[in-house]
Amino acid sequence: MIDSAYDLSYTFWHNVRSGVLRYVRTYLVVSILSLFVLLYLFVVASSALFLLADLCLLLFILTGVFPIIDVALYKPALKLVRYIIPERIIEKIEYED
């Protein structure tokens, strides 16, 4: 029973950690790409077009935080698998790839 509780606790914290790391990686990529777009528009475009693009990209980034979190936390990295063999049940924690 203690081993089972320890395994479930480990699985929970591993899934939280991997989800947060995926979220941070995705958010950084989106932010860096939008930074390059904004720098390009600042150099090339007029000030009104730059401000419009700046507001649109900020809107995309700020409203895009919640879907990115959902995607990052949707699929757990570890899952609890139950094998049913005649006369006994085996529960194992496996990586989901």
N, C-alpha and C. Protein backbone atom coordinates (compact mmCIF):
# COMPACT_ATOMS: atom_id res chain seq x y z
N MET A 1 0.82 -1.19 0.00
CA MET A 1 0.00 0.00 0.00
C MET A 1 0.88 1.26 0.00
N ILE A 2 1.94 1.24 0.78
CA ILE A 2 2.84 2.40 0.83
C ILE A 2 3.54 2.59 -0.50
N ASP A 3 3.97 1.48 -1.12
CA ASP A 3 4.61 1.59 -2.43
C ASP A 3 3.65 2.14 -3.48
N SER A 4 2.41 1.73 -3.43
CA SER A 4 1.41 2.22 -4.36
C SER A 4 1.18 3.72 -4.17
N ALA A 5 1.09 4.18 -2.94
CA ALA A 5 0.91 5.61 -2.66
C ALA A 5 2.12 6.41 -3.13
N TYR A 6 3.31 5.87 -2.92
CA TYR A 6 4.53 6.55 -3.35
C TYR A 6 4.57 6.64 -4.88
N ASP A 7 4.21 5.54 -5.55
CA ASP A 7 4.22 5.54 -7.01
C ASP A 7 3.21 6.53 -7.58
N LEU A 8 2.03 6.60 -7.00
CA LEU A 8 1.03 7.56 -7.47
C LEU A 8 1.47 9.00 -7.22
N SER A 9 2.09 9.25 -6.09
CA SER A 9 2.60 10.58 -5.80
C SER A 9 3.69 10.97 -6.80
N TYR A 10 4.59 10.04 -7.07
CA TYR A 10 5.65 10.28 -8.04
C TYR A 10 5.06 10.57 -9.42
N THR A 11 4.08 9.80 -9.82
CA THR A 11 3.44 9.99 -11.12
C THR A 11 2.80 11.37 -11.21
N PHE A 12 2.09 11.77 -10.18
CA PHE A 12 1.44 13.08 -10.18
C PHE A 12 2.45 14.20 -10.34
N TRP A 13 3.51 14.21 -9.55
CA TRP A 13 4.47 15.31 -9.61
C TRP A 13 5.29 15.26 -10.89
N HIS A 14 5.54 14.08 -11.42
CA HIS A 14 6.25 13.98 -12.71
C HIS A 14 5.39 14.57 -13.83
N ASN A 15 4.09 14.27 -13.82
CA ASN A 15 3.19 14.81 -14.83
C ASN A 15 3.06 16.33 -14.73
N VAL A 16 3.00 16.85 -13.52
CA VAL A 16 2.93 18.31 -13.34
C VAL A 16 4.20 18.96 -13.87
N ARG A 17 5.34 18.41 -13.52
CA ARG A 17 6.62 18.97 -13.95
C ARG A 17 6.76 18.93 -15.47
N SER A 18 6.46 17.80 -16.08
CA SER A 18 6.61 17.70 -17.54
C SER A 18 5.61 18.60 -18.26
N GLY A 19 4.40 18.75 -17.71
CA GLY A 19 3.43 19.64 -18.32
C GLY A 19 3.85 21.09 -18.27
N VAL A 20 4.38 21.51 -17.14
CA VAL A 20 4.85 22.90 -16.99
C VAL A 20 6.04 23.15 -17.91
N LEU A 21 6.94 22.19 -18.02
CA LEU A 21 8.09 22.37 -18.91
C LEU A 21 7.66 22.46 -20.37
N ARG A 22 6.69 21.66 -20.78
CA ARG A 22 6.18 21.76 -22.15
C ARG A 22 5.52 23.11 -22.38
N TYR A 23 4.78 23.57 -21.40
CA TYR A 23 4.12 24.88 -21.52
C TYR A 23 5.16 25.98 -21.67
N VAL A 24 6.17 25.98 -20.84
CA VAL A 24 7.19 27.03 -20.89
C VAL A 24 7.92 27.00 -22.22
N ARG A 25 8.24 25.82 -22.70
CA ARG A 25 8.95 25.71 -23.99
C ARG A 25 8.08 26.28 -25.12
N THR A 26 6.81 25.92 -25.16
CA THR A 26 5.93 26.40 -26.21
C THR A 26 5.73 27.91 -26.12
N TYR A 27 5.53 28.41 -24.93
CA TYR A 27 5.31 29.84 -24.76
C TYR A 27 6.55 30.64 -25.15
N LEU A 28 7.73 30.15 -24.82
CA LEU A 28 8.95 30.86 -25.21
C LEU A 28 9.13 30.89 -26.71
N VAL A 29 8.83 29.79 -27.39
CA VAL A 29 8.94 29.77 -28.84
C VAL A 29 7.98 30.77 -29.48
N VAL A 30 6.74 30.79 -29.01
CA VAL A 30 5.76 31.74 -29.55
C VAL A 30 6.19 33.17 -29.27
N SER A 31 6.68 33.45 -28.09
CA SER A 31 7.10 34.81 -27.75
C SER A 31 8.30 35.26 -28.57
N ILE A 32 9.26 34.38 -28.76
CA ILE A 32 10.44 34.76 -29.54
C ILE A 32 10.09 34.99 -31.01
N LEU A 33 9.23 34.14 -31.57
CA LEU A 33 8.82 34.34 -32.95
C LEU A 33 8.05 35.65 -33.12
N SER A 34 7.19 35.96 -32.17
CA SER A 34 6.45 37.22 -32.27
C SER A 34 7.37 38.42 -32.07
N LEU A 35 8.42 38.27 -31.30
CA LEU A 35 9.39 39.35 -31.14
C LEU A 35 10.07 39.66 -32.47
N PHE A 36 10.46 38.63 -33.22
CA PHE A 36 11.09 38.86 -34.51
C PHE A 36 10.12 39.51 -35.50
N VAL A 37 8.86 39.12 -35.46
CA VAL A 37 7.86 39.74 -36.33
C VAL A 37 7.69 41.21 -35.96
N LEU A 38 7.63 41.51 -34.68
CA LEU A 38 7.48 42.91 -34.27
C LEU A 38 8.70 43.75 -34.64
N LEU A 39 9.89 43.20 -34.50
CA LEU A 39 11.09 43.94 -34.89
C LEU A 39 11.09 44.21 -36.39
N TYR A 40 10.69 43.23 -37.17
CA TYR A 40 10.62 43.41 -38.62
C TYR A 40 9.60 44.50 -38.98
N LEU A 41 8.43 44.43 -38.37
CA LEU A 41 7.41 45.43 -38.66
C LEU A 41 7.81 46.82 -38.18
N PHE A 42 8.56 46.92 -37.11
CA PHE A 42 9.02 48.22 -36.62
C PHE A 42 9.96 48.87 -37.63
N VAL A 43 10.81 48.06 -38.26
CA VAL A 43 11.76 48.61 -39.22
C VAL A 43 11.09 48.91 -40.55
N VAL A 44 10.21 48.03 -41.00
CA VAL A 44 9.66 48.15 -42.35
C VAL A 44 8.37 48.97 -42.41
N ALA A 45 7.48 48.76 -41.48
CA ALA A 45 6.13 49.32 -41.59
C ALA A 45 6.05 50.74 -41.02
N SER A 46 4.94 51.38 -41.35
CA SER A 46 4.68 52.71 -40.79
C SER A 46 4.28 52.56 -39.32
N SER A 47 4.21 53.67 -38.62
CA SER A 47 3.93 53.59 -37.18
C SER A 47 2.52 53.10 -36.90
N ALA A 48 1.53 53.48 -37.72
CA ALA A 48 0.16 53.02 -37.48
C ALA A 48 0.04 51.52 -37.72
N LEU A 49 0.65 51.03 -38.78
CA LEU A 49 0.62 49.60 -39.07
C LEU A 49 1.38 48.81 -38.00
N PHE A 50 2.47 49.37 -37.53
CA PHE A 50 3.23 48.70 -36.47
C PHE A 50 2.41 48.61 -35.19
N LEU A 51 1.74 49.69 -34.82
CA LEU A 51 0.92 49.67 -33.61
C LEU A 51 -0.23 48.68 -33.74
N LEU A 52 -0.84 48.61 -34.90
CA LEU A 52 -1.92 47.65 -35.13
C LEU A 52 -1.40 46.22 -35.02
N ALA A 53 -0.26 45.94 -35.64
CA ALA A 53 0.33 44.60 -35.57
C ALA A 53 0.77 44.29 -34.14
N ASP A 54 1.30 45.29 -33.46
CA ASP A 54 1.73 45.09 -32.07
C ASP A 54 0.54 44.71 -31.19
N LEU A 55 -0.56 45.40 -31.33
CA LEU A 55 -1.74 45.08 -30.54
C LEU A 55 -2.30 43.71 -30.89
N CYS A 56 -2.30 43.37 -32.17
CA CYS A 56 -2.80 42.04 -32.58
C CYS A 56 -1.92 40.93 -32.00
N LEU A 57 -0.61 41.09 -32.09
CA LEU A 57 0.28 40.05 -31.56
C LEU A 57 0.18 39.95 -30.05
N LEU A 58 0.05 41.08 -29.37
CA LEU A 58 -0.15 41.03 -27.92
C LEU A 58 -1.44 40.33 -27.57
N LEU A 59 -2.48 40.58 -28.34
CA LEU A 59 -3.76 39.91 -28.12
C LEU A 59 -3.61 38.40 -28.33
N PHE A 60 -2.90 38.00 -29.39
CA PHE A 60 -2.69 36.57 -29.65
C PHE A 60 -1.89 35.91 -28.53
N ILE A 61 -0.87 36.60 -28.06
CA ILE A 61 -0.02 36.01 -27.02
C ILE A 61 -0.79 35.91 -25.70
N LEU A 62 -1.49 36.98 -25.33
CA LEU A 62 -2.19 36.97 -24.05
C LEU A 62 -3.37 36.01 -24.04
N THR A 63 -4.13 35.97 -25.13
CA THR A 63 -5.25 35.02 -25.17
C THR A 63 -4.79 33.61 -25.50
N GLY A 64 -3.58 33.47 -26.00
CA GLY A 64 -3.07 32.15 -26.34
C GLY A 64 -2.45 31.42 -25.16
N VAL A 65 -2.32 32.08 -24.04
CA VAL A 65 -1.72 31.44 -22.87
C VAL A 65 -2.58 30.28 -22.38
N PHE A 66 -3.88 30.47 -22.31
CA PHE A 66 -4.74 29.43 -21.77
C PHE A 66 -4.82 28.19 -22.65
N PRO A 67 -4.95 28.30 -23.97
CA PRO A 67 -4.91 27.08 -24.78
C PRO A 67 -3.56 26.37 -24.73
N ILE A 68 -2.49 27.12 -24.60
CA ILE A 68 -1.17 26.48 -24.51
C ILE A 68 -1.08 25.69 -23.21
N ILE A 69 -1.60 26.24 -22.13
CA ILE A 69 -1.61 25.51 -20.87
C ILE A 69 -2.44 24.24 -21.00
N ASP A 70 -3.58 24.34 -21.64
CA ASP A 70 -4.43 23.16 -21.81
C ASP A 70 -3.72 22.07 -22.62
N VAL A 71 -3.04 22.46 -23.69
CA VAL A 71 -2.33 21.48 -24.50
C VAL A 71 -1.17 20.87 -23.72
N ALA A 72 -0.46 21.69 -22.97
CA ALA A 72 0.70 21.19 -22.23
C ALA A 72 0.29 20.23 -21.12
N LEU A 73 -0.83 20.48 -20.50
CA LEU A 73 -1.26 19.65 -19.37
C LEU A 73 -2.24 18.56 -19.78
N TYR A 74 -2.59 18.48 -21.06
CA TYR A 74 -3.61 17.53 -21.50
C TYR A 74 -3.13 16.09 -21.41
N LYS A 75 -1.97 15.81 -21.97
CA LYS A 75 -1.49 14.44 -22.04
C LYS A 75 -0.44 14.21 -20.97
N PRO A 76 -0.70 13.33 -20.04
CA PRO A 76 0.28 13.08 -18.98
C PRO A 76 1.49 12.31 -19.52
N ALA A 77 2.63 12.52 -18.91
CA ALA A 77 3.85 11.84 -19.33
C ALA A 77 3.90 10.42 -18.78
N LEU A 78 3.31 10.20 -17.63
CA LEU A 78 3.24 8.87 -17.03
C LEU A 78 1.78 8.49 -16.84
N LYS A 79 1.49 7.23 -17.01
CA LYS A 79 0.12 6.77 -16.80
C LYS A 79 0.12 5.49 -16.00
N LEU A 80 -0.95 5.28 -15.31
CA LEU A 80 -1.12 4.08 -14.51
C LEU A 80 -1.81 3.03 -15.38
N VAL A 81 -1.14 1.89 -15.55
CA VAL A 81 -1.65 0.80 -16.38
C VAL A 81 -1.97 -0.38 -15.49
N ARG A 82 -3.13 -0.95 -15.73
CA ARG A 82 -3.56 -2.10 -14.93
C ARG A 82 -3.65 -3.31 -15.85
N TYR A 83 -2.82 -4.32 -15.56
CA TYR A 83 -2.85 -5.58 -16.30
C TYR A 83 -3.63 -6.58 -15.47
N ILE A 84 -4.62 -7.19 -16.10
CA ILE A 84 -5.41 -8.20 -15.40
C ILE A 84 -5.01 -9.56 -15.93
N ILE A 85 -4.34 -10.30 -15.06
CA ILE A 85 -3.90 -11.66 -15.34
C ILE A 85 -4.76 -12.56 -14.47
N PRO A 86 -5.11 -13.74 -14.97
CA PRO A 86 -5.94 -14.62 -14.11
C PRO A 86 -5.33 -14.77 -12.72
N GLU A 87 -6.16 -14.55 -11.72
CA GLU A 87 -5.86 -14.68 -10.30
C GLU A 87 -5.10 -13.51 -9.70
N ARG A 88 -4.73 -12.48 -10.49
CA ARG A 88 -4.09 -11.32 -9.88
C ARG A 88 -4.16 -10.11 -10.83
N ILE A 89 -4.02 -8.95 -10.24
CA ILE A 89 -4.04 -7.69 -10.99
C ILE A 89 -2.72 -6.98 -10.74
N ILE A 90 -2.07 -6.58 -11.81
CA ILE A 90 -0.77 -5.91 -11.71
C ILE A 90 -0.96 -4.46 -12.15
N GLU A 91 -0.56 -3.53 -11.31
CA GLU A 91 -0.60 -2.11 -11.63
C GLU A 91 0.83 -1.62 -11.78
N LYS A 92 1.10 -0.98 -12.94
CA LYS A 92 2.43 -0.45 -13.22
C LYS A 92 2.30 0.98 -13.72
N ILE A 93 3.34 1.72 -13.52
CA ILE A 93 3.40 3.09 -14.05
C ILE A 93 4.36 3.05 -15.24
N GLU A 94 3.84 3.47 -16.40
CA GLU A 94 4.63 3.43 -17.63
C GLU A 94 4.67 4.80 -18.27
N TYR A 95 5.73 5.03 -19.04
CA TYR A 95 5.83 6.27 -19.80
C TYR A 95 4.89 6.22 -20.99
N GLU A 96 4.25 7.32 -21.27
CA GLU A 96 3.33 7.40 -22.36
C GLU A 96 4.02 8.09 -23.52
N ASP A 97 4.37 7.36 -24.54
CA ASP A 97 5.05 7.92 -25.71
C ASP A 97 4.37 7.49 -26.98
